[in-house]
PDB file of N, CA and C in Angstrom:
ATOM      1  N   UNK A   1     118.064 -37.785 125.660  1.00  0.00           N
ATOM      2  CA  UNK A   1     118.000 -36.927 124.492  1.00  0.00           C
ATOM      3  C   UNK A   1     118.486 -37.654 123.238  1.00  0.00           C
ATOM      4  N   UNK A   2     119.636 -38.332 123.334  1.00  0.00           N
ATOM      5  CA  UNK A   2     120.155 -39.053 122.179  1.00  0.00           C
ATOM      6  C   UNK A   2     119.224 -40.184 121.764  1.00  0.00           C
ATOM      7  N   UNK A   3     118.596 -40.819 122.748  1.00  0.00           N
ATOM      8  CA  UNK A   3     117.667 -41.895 122.426  1.00  0.00           C
ATOM      9  C   UNK A   3     116.481 -41.344 121.640  1.00  0.00           C
ATOM     10  N   UNK A   4     115.995 -40.165 122.005  1.00  0.00           N
ATOM     11  CA  UNK A   4     114.893 -39.546 121.260  1.00  0.00           C
ATOM     12  C   UNK A   4     115.310 -39.257 119.823  1.00  0.00           C
ATOM     13  N   UNK A   5     116.530 -38.773 119.632  1.00  0.00           N
ATOM     14  CA  UNK A   5     117.026 -38.508 118.285  1.00  0.00           C
ATOM     15  C   UNK A   5     117.147 -39.795 117.475  1.00  0.00           C
ATOM     16  N   UNK A   6     117.583 -40.860 118.128  1.00  0.00           N
ATOM     17  CA  UNK A   6     117.715 -42.143 117.441  1.00  0.00           C
ATOM     18  C   UNK A   6     116.346 -42.655 117.012  1.00  0.00           C
ATOM     19  N   UNK A   7     115.360 -42.570 117.893  1.00  0.00           N
ATOM     20  CA  UNK A   7     114.018 -43.028 117.533  1.00  0.00           C
ATOM     21  C   UNK A   7     113.409 -42.173 116.434  1.00  0.00           C
ATOM     22  N   UNK A   8     113.698 -40.884 116.459  1.00  0.00           N
ATOM     23  CA  UNK A   8     113.218 -40.001 115.396  1.00  0.00           C
ATOM     24  C   UNK A   8     113.831 -40.409 114.060  1.00  0.00           C
ATOM     25  N   UNK A   9     115.112 -40.718 114.068  1.00  0.00           N
ATOM     26  CA  UNK A   9     115.787 -41.144 112.838  1.00  0.00           C
ATOM     27  C   UNK A   9     115.215 -42.464 112.332  1.00  0.00           C
ATOM     28  N   UNK A  10     114.967 -43.403 113.221  1.00  0.00           N
ATOM     29  CA  UNK A  10     114.400 -44.692 112.849  1.00  0.00           C
ATOM     30  C   UNK A  10     113.001 -44.499 112.260  1.00  0.00           C
ATOM     31  N   UNK A  11     112.210 -43.681 112.911  1.00  0.00           N
ATOM     32  CA  UNK A  11     110.856 -43.400 112.443  1.00  0.00           C
ATOM     33  C   UNK A  11     110.884 -42.773 111.048  1.00  0.00           C
ATOM     34  N   UNK A  12     111.763 -41.808 110.862  1.00  0.00           N
ATOM     35  CA  UNK A  12     111.889 -41.129 109.571  1.00  0.00           C
ATOM     36  C   UNK A  12     112.334 -42.108 108.486  1.00  0.00           C
ATOM     37  N   UNK A  13     113.294 -42.953 108.802  1.00  0.00           N
ATOM     38  CA  UNK A  13     113.779 -43.956 107.854  1.00  0.00           C
ATOM     39  C   UNK A  13     112.667 -44.914 107.447  1.00  0.00           C
ATOM     40  N   UNK A  14     111.927 -45.414 108.414  1.00  0.00           N
ATOM     41  CA  UNK A  14     110.859 -46.369 108.115  1.00  0.00           C
ATOM     42  C   UNK A  14     109.790 -45.727 107.236  1.00  0.00           C
ATOM     43  N   UNK A  15     109.402 -44.506 107.548  1.00  0.00           N
ATOM     44  CA  UNK A  15     108.381 -43.818 106.750  1.00  0.00           C
ATOM     45  C   UNK A  15     108.895 -43.546 105.330  1.00  0.00           C
ATOM     46  N   UNK A  16     110.164 -43.196 105.219  1.00  0.00           N
ATOM     47  CA  UNK A  16     110.735 -42.931 103.898  1.00  0.00           C
ATOM     48  C   UNK A  16     110.769 -44.200 103.045  1.00  0.00           C
ATOM     49  N   UNK A  17     111.123 -45.320 103.646  1.00  0.00           N
ATOM     50  CA  UNK A  17     111.164 -46.574 102.891  1.00  0.00           C
ATOM     51  C   UNK A  17     109.768 -47.012 102.458  1.00  0.00           C
ATOM     52  N   UNK A  18     108.792 -46.805 103.315  1.00  0.00           N
ATOM     53  CA  UNK A  18     107.410 -47.108 102.931  1.00  0.00           C
ATOM     54  C   UNK A  18     106.956 -46.189 101.801  1.00  0.00           C
ATOM     55  N   UNK A  19     107.353 -44.936 101.841  1.00  0.00           N
ATOM     56  CA  UNK A  19     106.988 -43.994 100.778  1.00  0.00           C
ATOM     57  C   UNK A  19     107.602 -44.423  99.444  1.00  0.00           C
ATOM     58  N   UNK A  20     108.854 -44.869  99.452  1.00  0.00           N
ATOM     59  CA  UNK A  20     109.506 -45.366  98.227  1.00  0.00           C
ATOM     60  C   UNK A  20     108.756 -46.584  97.705  1.00  0.00           C
ATOM     61  N   UNK A  21     108.419 -47.494  98.604  1.00  0.00           N
ATOM     62  CA  UNK A  21     107.662 -48.689  98.217  1.00  0.00           C
ATOM     63  C   UNK A  21     106.340 -48.304  97.557  1.00  0.00           C
ATOM     64  N   UNK A  22     105.586 -47.426  98.196  1.00  0.00           N
ATOM     65  CA  UNK A  22     104.286 -47.038  97.648  1.00  0.00           C
ATOM     66  C   UNK A  22     104.435 -46.275  96.325  1.00  0.00           C
ATOM     67  N   UNK A  23     105.456 -45.455  96.204  1.00  0.00           N
ATOM     68  CA  UNK A  23     105.683 -44.738  94.942  1.00  0.00           C
ATOM     69  C   UNK A  23     105.988 -45.732  93.815  1.00  0.00           C
ATOM     70  N   UNK A  24     106.806 -46.735  94.106  1.00  0.00           N
ATOM     71  CA  UNK A  24     107.113 -47.766  93.094  1.00  0.00           C
ATOM     72  C   UNK A  24     105.863 -48.547  92.731  1.00  0.00           C
ATOM     73  N   UNK A  25     105.063 -48.875  93.727  1.00  0.00           N
ATOM     74  CA  UNK A  25     103.815 -49.602  93.471  1.00  0.00           C
ATOM     75  C   UNK A  25     102.857 -48.767  92.627  1.00  0.00           C
ATOM     76  N   UNK A  26     102.799 -47.480  92.906  1.00  0.00           N
ATOM     77  CA  UNK A  26     101.930 -46.599  92.123  1.00  0.00           C
ATOM     78  C   UNK A  26     102.357 -46.565  90.663  1.00  0.00           C
ATOM     79  N   UNK A  27     103.661 -46.526  90.423  1.00  0.00           N
ATOM     80  CA  UNK A  27     104.166 -46.461  89.050  1.00  0.00           C
ATOM     81  C   UNK A  27     103.833 -47.708  88.249  1.00  0.00           C
ATOM     82  N   UNK A  28     103.819 -48.865  88.902  1.00  0.00           N
ATOM     83  CA  UNK A  28     103.512 -50.100  88.173  1.00  0.00           C
ATOM     84  C   UNK A  28     102.054 -50.520  88.324  1.00  0.00           C
ATOM     85  N   UNK A  29     101.289 -49.765  89.087  1.00  0.00           N
ATOM     86  CA  UNK A  29      99.854 -50.006  89.202  1.00  0.00           C
ATOM     87  C   UNK A  29      99.431 -51.124  90.139  1.00  0.00           C
ATOM     88  N   UNK A  30     100.218 -51.392  91.190  1.00  0.00           N
ATOM     89  CA  UNK A  30      99.820 -52.426  92.147  1.00  0.00           C
ATOM     90  C   UNK A  30      98.734 -51.898  93.074  1.00  0.00           C
ATOM     91  N   UNK A  31      97.693 -52.691  93.257  1.00  0.00           N
ATOM     92  CA  UNK A  31      96.619 -52.352  94.187  1.00  0.00           C
ATOM     93  C   UNK A  31      97.044 -52.690  95.612  1.00  0.00           C
ATOM     94  N   UNK A  32      96.264 -52.209  96.579  1.00  0.00           N
ATOM     95  CA  UNK A  32      96.584 -52.440  97.991  1.00  0.00           C
ATOM     96  C   UNK A  32      96.731 -53.923  98.318  1.00  0.00           C
ATOM     97  N   UNK A  33      95.834 -54.750  97.824  1.00  0.00           N
ATOM     98  CA  UNK A  33      95.893 -56.178  98.123  1.00  0.00           C
ATOM     99  C   UNK A  33      97.180 -56.805  97.571  1.00  0.00           C
ATOM    100  N   UNK A  34      97.603 -56.373  96.398  1.00  0.00           N
ATOM    101  CA  UNK A  34      98.853 -56.869  95.818  1.00  0.00           C
ATOM    102  C   UNK A  34     100.057 -56.380  96.626  1.00  0.00           C
ATOM    103  N   UNK A  35      99.978 -55.172  97.122  1.00  0.00           N
ATOM    104  CA  UNK A  35     101.063 -54.633  97.961  1.00  0.00           C
ATOM    105  C   UNK A  35     101.165 -55.420  99.259  1.00  0.00           C
ATOM    106  N   UNK A  36     100.021 -55.670  99.883  1.00  0.00           N
ATOM    107  CA  UNK A  36      99.989 -56.426 101.135  1.00  0.00           C
ATOM    108  C   UNK A  36     100.579 -57.812 100.918  1.00  0.00           C
ATOM    109  N   UNK A  37     100.176 -58.442  99.832  1.00  0.00           N
ATOM    110  CA  UNK A  37     100.663 -59.784  99.511  1.00  0.00           C
ATOM    111  C   UNK A  37     102.167 -59.775  99.235  1.00  0.00           C
ATOM    112  N   UNK A  38     102.644 -58.779  98.503  1.00  0.00           N
ATOM    113  CA  UNK A  38     104.073 -58.688  98.188  1.00  0.00           C
ATOM    114  C   UNK A  38     104.925 -58.576  99.445  1.00  0.00           C
ATOM    115  N   UNK A  39     104.384 -57.927 100.464  1.00  0.00           N
ATOM    116  CA  UNK A  39     105.115 -57.774 101.726  1.00  0.00           C
ATOM    117  C   UNK A  39     104.844 -58.916 102.704  1.00  0.00           C
ATOM    118  N   UNK A  40     104.032 -59.881 102.286  1.00  0.00           N
ATOM    119  CA  UNK A  40     103.691 -61.044 103.120  1.00  0.00           C
ATOM    120  C   UNK A  40     103.109 -60.618 104.464  1.00  0.00           C
ATOM    121  N   UNK A  41     102.169 -59.664 104.414  1.00  0.00           N
ATOM    122  CA  UNK A  41     101.513 -59.191 105.633  1.00  0.00           C
ATOM    123  C   UNK A  41     100.073 -59.688 105.665  1.00  0.00           C
ATOM    124  N   UNK A  42      99.602 -60.048 106.861  1.00  0.00           N
ATOM    125  CA  UNK A  42      98.184 -60.352 106.985  1.00  0.00           C
ATOM    126  C   UNK A  42      97.417 -59.031 107.063  1.00  0.00           C
ATOM    127  N   UNK A  43      96.112 -59.110 107.024  1.00  0.00           N
ATOM    128  CA  UNK A  43      95.286 -57.896 106.996  1.00  0.00           C
ATOM    129  C   UNK A  43      95.516 -57.004 108.212  1.00  0.00           C
ATOM    130  N   UNK A  44      95.673 -57.621 109.378  1.00  0.00           N
ATOM    131  CA  UNK A  44      95.884 -56.850 110.614  1.00  0.00           C
ATOM    132  C   UNK A  44      97.206 -56.088 110.569  1.00  0.00           C
ATOM    133  N   UNK A  45      98.270 -56.764 110.160  1.00  0.00           N
ATOM    134  CA  UNK A  45      99.571 -56.088 110.092  1.00  0.00           C
ATOM    135  C   UNK A  45      99.597 -55.037 108.987  1.00  0.00           C
ATOM    136  N   UNK A  46      98.949 -55.324 107.860  1.00  0.00           N
ATOM    137  CA  UNK A  46      98.864 -54.336 106.785  1.00  0.00           C
ATOM    138  C   UNK A  46      98.187 -53.062 107.299  1.00  0.00           C
ATOM    139  N   UNK A  47      97.085 -53.230 108.024  1.00  0.00           N
ATOM    140  CA  UNK A  47      96.365 -52.074 108.573  1.00  0.00           C
ATOM    141  C   UNK A  47      97.246 -51.292 109.550  1.00  0.00           C
ATOM    142  N   UNK A  48      98.029 -52.012 110.343  1.00  0.00           N
ATOM    143  CA  UNK A  48      98.910 -51.340 111.306  1.00  0.00           C
ATOM    144  C   UNK A  48      99.985 -50.524 110.587  1.00  0.00           C
ATOM    145  N   UNK A  49     100.542 -51.072 109.511  1.00  0.00           N
ATOM    146  CA  UNK A  49     101.565 -50.332 108.763  1.00  0.00           C
ATOM    147  C   UNK A  49     100.947 -49.173 107.983  1.00  0.00           C
ATOM    148  N   UNK A  50      99.722 -49.338 107.513  1.00  0.00           N
ATOM    149  CA  UNK A  50      99.029 -48.224 106.861  1.00  0.00           C
ATOM    150  C   UNK A  50      98.772 -47.114 107.872  1.00  0.00           C
ATOM    151  N   UNK A  51      98.394 -47.489 109.082  1.00  0.00           N
ATOM    152  CA  UNK A  51      98.180 -46.506 110.151  1.00  0.00           C
ATOM    153  C   UNK A  51      99.491 -45.775 110.464  1.00  0.00           C
ATOM    154  N   UNK A  52     100.588 -46.511 110.461  1.00  0.00           N
ATOM    155  CA  UNK A  52     101.896 -45.905 110.688  1.00  0.00           C
ATOM    156  C   UNK A  52     102.180 -44.824 109.648  1.00  0.00           C
ATOM    157  N   UNK A  53     101.827 -45.095 108.398  1.00  0.00           N
ATOM    158  CA  UNK A  53     102.037 -44.100 107.338  1.00  0.00           C
ATOM    159  C   UNK A  53     101.165 -42.864 107.534  1.00  0.00           C
ATOM    160  N   UNK A  54     100.079 -43.017 108.271  1.00  0.00           N
ATOM    161  CA  UNK A  54      99.201 -41.890 108.578  1.00  0.00           C
ATOM    162  C   UNK A  54      99.523 -41.307 109.953  1.00  0.00           C
ATOM    163  N   UNK A  55     100.818 -41.333 110.306  1.00  0.00           N
ATOM    164  CA  UNK A  55     101.327 -40.755 111.560  1.00  0.00           C
ATOM    165  C   UNK A  55     100.995 -41.575 112.799  1.00  0.00           C
ATOM    166  N   UNK A  56     100.660 -42.860 112.616  1.00  0.00           N
ATOM    167  CA  UNK A  56     100.406 -43.734 113.753  1.00  0.00           C
ATOM    168  C   UNK A  56     101.708 -44.258 114.351  1.00  0.00           C
ATOM    169  N   UNK A  57     101.587 -45.095 115.374  1.00  0.00           N
ATOM    170  CA  UNK A  57     102.784 -45.658 116.030  1.00  0.00           C
ATOM    171  C   UNK A  57     103.436 -46.736 115.167  1.00  0.00           C
ATOM    172  N   UNK A  58     104.702 -46.974 115.421  1.00  0.00           N
ATOM    173  CA  UNK A  58     105.451 -48.014 114.719  1.00  0.00           C
ATOM    174  C   UNK A  58     104.895 -49.383 115.117  1.00  0.00           C
ATOM    175  N   UNK A  59     104.456 -50.181 114.144  1.00  0.00           N
ATOM    176  CA  UNK A  59     103.921 -51.518 114.460  1.00  0.00           C
ATOM    177  C   UNK A  59     105.002 -52.446 115.014  1.00  0.00           C
ATOM    178  N   UNK A  60     104.565 -53.391 115.807  1.00  0.00           N
ATOM    179  CA  UNK A  60     105.495 -54.361 116.394  1.00  0.00           C
ATOM    180  C   UNK A  60     105.782 -55.512 115.440  1.00  0.00           C
ATOM    181  N   UNK A  61     104.857 -55.812 114.556  1.00  0.00           N
ATOM    182  CA  UNK A  61     104.992 -56.951 113.652  1.00  0.00           C
ATOM    183  C   UNK A  61     104.821 -56.514 112.211  1.00  0.00           C
ATOM    184  N   UNK A  62     105.618 -57.013 111.315  1.00  0.00           N
ATOM    185  CA  UNK A  62     106.873 -57.689 111.616  1.00  0.00           C
ATOM    186  C   UNK A  62     107.859 -56.683 112.224  1.00  0.00           C
ATOM    187  N   UNK A  63     108.879 -57.179 112.896  1.00  0.00           N
ATOM    188  CA  UNK A  63     109.866 -56.270 113.477  1.00  0.00           C
ATOM    189  C   UNK A  63     110.459 -55.369 112.384  1.00  0.00           C
ATOM    190  N   UNK A  64     110.804 -54.160 112.767  1.00  0.00           N
ATOM    191  CA  UNK A  64     111.273 -53.174 111.799  1.00  0.00           C
ATOM    192  C   UNK A  64     112.422 -53.673 110.915  1.00  0.00           C
ATOM    193  N   UNK A  65     113.455 -54.319 111.451  1.00  0.00           N
ATOM    194  CA  UNK A  65     114.528 -54.783 110.551  1.00  0.00           C
ATOM    195  C   UNK A  65     114.001 -55.729 109.461  1.00  0.00           C
ATOM    196  N   UNK A  66     113.087 -56.608 109.831  1.00  0.00           N
ATOM    197  CA  UNK A  66     112.513 -57.528 108.846  1.00  0.00           C
ATOM    198  C   UNK A  66     111.664 -56.771 107.827  1.00  0.00           C
ATOM    199  N   UNK A  67     110.880 -55.811 108.297  1.00  0.00           N
ATOM    200  CA  UNK A  67     110.036 -55.036 107.386  1.00  0.00           C
ATOM    201  C   UNK A  67     110.894 -54.236 106.412  1.00  0.00           C
ATOM    202  N   UNK A  68     111.993 -53.663 106.898  1.00  0.00           N
ATOM    203  CA  UNK A  68     112.877 -52.911 106.006  1.00  0.00           C
ATOM    204  C   UNK A  68     113.499 -53.821 104.948  1.00  0.00           C
ATOM    205  N   UNK A  69     113.849 -55.041 105.329  1.00  0.00           N
ATOM    206  CA  UNK A  69     114.370 -56.000 104.343  1.00  0.00           C
ATOM    207  C   UNK A  69     113.316 -56.328 103.291  1.00  0.00           C
ATOM    208  N   UNK A  70     112.088 -56.545 103.730  1.00  0.00           N
ATOM    209  CA  UNK A  70     111.007 -56.833 102.791  1.00  0.00           C
ATOM    210  C   UNK A  70     110.776 -55.648 101.845  1.00  0.00           C
ATOM    211  N   UNK A  71     110.714 -54.458 102.417  1.00  0.00           N
ATOM    212  CA  UNK A  71     110.493 -53.262 101.602  1.00  0.00           C
ATOM    213  C   UNK A  71     111.599 -53.084 100.570  1.00  0.00           C
ATOM    214  N   UNK A  72     112.847 -53.274 100.993  1.00  0.00           N
ATOM    215  CA  UNK A  72     113.973 -53.122 100.085  1.00  0.00           C
ATOM    216  C   UNK A  72     113.938 -54.138  98.958  1.00  0.00           C
ATOM    217  N   UNK A  73     113.655 -55.388  99.295  1.00  0.00           N
ATOM    218  CA  UNK A  73     113.627 -56.448  98.283  1.00  0.00           C
ATOM    219  C   UNK A  73     112.508 -56.214  97.271  1.00  0.00           C
ATOM    220  N   UNK A  74     111.331 -55.894  97.759  1.00  0.00           N
ATOM    221  CA  UNK A  74     110.199 -55.690  96.849  1.00  0.00           C
ATOM    222  C   UNK A  74     110.389 -54.415  96.038  1.00  0.00           C
ATOM    223  N   UNK A  75     110.869 -53.354  96.657  1.00  0.00           N
ATOM    224  CA  UNK A  75     111.102 -52.109  95.918  1.00  0.00           C
ATOM    225  C   UNK A  75     112.124 -52.324  94.808  1.00  0.00           C
ATOM    226  N   UNK A  76     113.175 -53.076  95.103  1.00  0.00           N
ATOM    227  CA  UNK A  76     114.176 -53.382  94.086  1.00  0.00           C
ATOM    228  C   UNK A  76     113.546 -54.128  92.914  1.00  0.00           C
ATOM    229  N   UNK A  77     112.733 -55.135  93.221  1.00  0.00           N
ATOM    230  CA  UNK A  77     112.084 -55.914  92.157  1.00  0.00           C
ATOM    231  C   UNK A  77     111.152 -55.046  91.324  1.00  0.00           C
ATOM    232  N   UNK A  78     110.452 -54.128  91.982  1.00  0.00           N
ATOM    233  CA  UNK A  78     109.535 -53.246  91.253  1.00  0.00           C
ATOM    234  C   UNK A  78     110.296 -52.307  90.314  1.00  0.00           C
ATOM    235  N   UNK A  79     111.392 -51.751  90.794  1.00  0.00           N
ATOM    236  CA  UNK A  79     112.193 -50.851  89.970  1.00  0.00           C
ATOM    237  C   UNK A  79     112.815 -51.626  88.808  1.00  0.00           C
ATOM    238  N   UNK A  80     113.297 -52.835  89.075  1.00  0.00           N
ATOM    239  CA  UNK A  80     113.872 -53.662  88.018  1.00  0.00           C
ATOM    240  C   UNK A  80     112.824 -54.005  86.968  1.00  0.00           C
ATOM    241  N   UNK A  81     111.621 -54.333  87.421  1.00  0.00           N
ATOM    242  CA  UNK A  81     110.544 -54.653  86.479  1.00  0.00           C
ATOM    243  C   UNK A  81     110.176 -53.429  85.650  1.00  0.00           C
ATOM    244  N   UNK A  82     110.169 -52.275  86.286  1.00  0.00           N
ATOM    245  CA  UNK A  82     109.873 -51.027  85.583  1.00  0.00           C
ATOM    246  C   UNK A  82     110.899 -50.772  84.481  1.00  0.00           C
ATOM    247  N   UNK A  83     112.141 -51.085  84.782  1.00  0.00           N
ATOM    248  CA  UNK A  83     113.218 -50.869  83.836  1.00  0.00           C
ATOM    249  C   UNK A  83     113.315 -51.979  82.791  1.00  0.00           C
ATOM    250  N   UNK A  84     112.483 -52.999  82.937  1.00  0.00           N
ATOM    251  CA  UNK A  84     112.503 -54.102  81.991  1.00  0.00           C
ATOM    252  C   UNK A  84     113.512 -55.172  82.335  1.00  0.00           C
ATOM    253  N   UNK A  85     114.059 -55.117  83.563  1.00  0.00           N
ATOM    254  CA  UNK A  85     115.092 -56.058  83.942  1.00  0.00           C
ATOM    255  C   UNK A  85     114.583 -57.386  84.467  1.00  0.00           C
ATOM    256  N   UNK A  86     113.398 -57.391  85.078  1.00  0.00           N
ATOM    257  CA  UNK A  86     112.865 -58.634  85.655  1.00  0.00           C
ATOM    258  C   UNK A  86     111.391 -58.433  85.944  1.00  0.00           C
ATOM    259  N   UNK A  87     110.639 -59.505  85.961  1.00  0.00           N
ATOM    260  CA  UNK A  87     109.214 -59.372  86.293  1.00  0.00           C
ATOM    261  C   UNK A  87     109.008 -59.069  87.763  1.00  0.00           C
ATOM    262  N   UNK A  88     107.981 -58.312  88.087  1.00  0.00           N
ATOM    263  CA  UNK A  88     107.650 -58.000  89.479  1.00  0.00           C
ATOM    264  C   UNK A  88     107.010 -59.213  90.081  1.00  0.00           C
TER     265      UNK A  88
END
């Protein structure tokens, strides 16, 4: 039971971070190809993460901790660029 709750929390966290990333990208006008490139994903992995956002399974690559680091770093840069602090 606790393991199910932990996986639910992980799933919710990952989806929320992707939503923040996409919202930041929308505000600065990044297209899908630019988003994929910013996260250093190949086309196959990008499609898997897009599927995840559409209620699909959690992709294996890149591993979730690495993907969360990428999302956090890029989201930070996007917000900073929006605020005029640094280029995206």
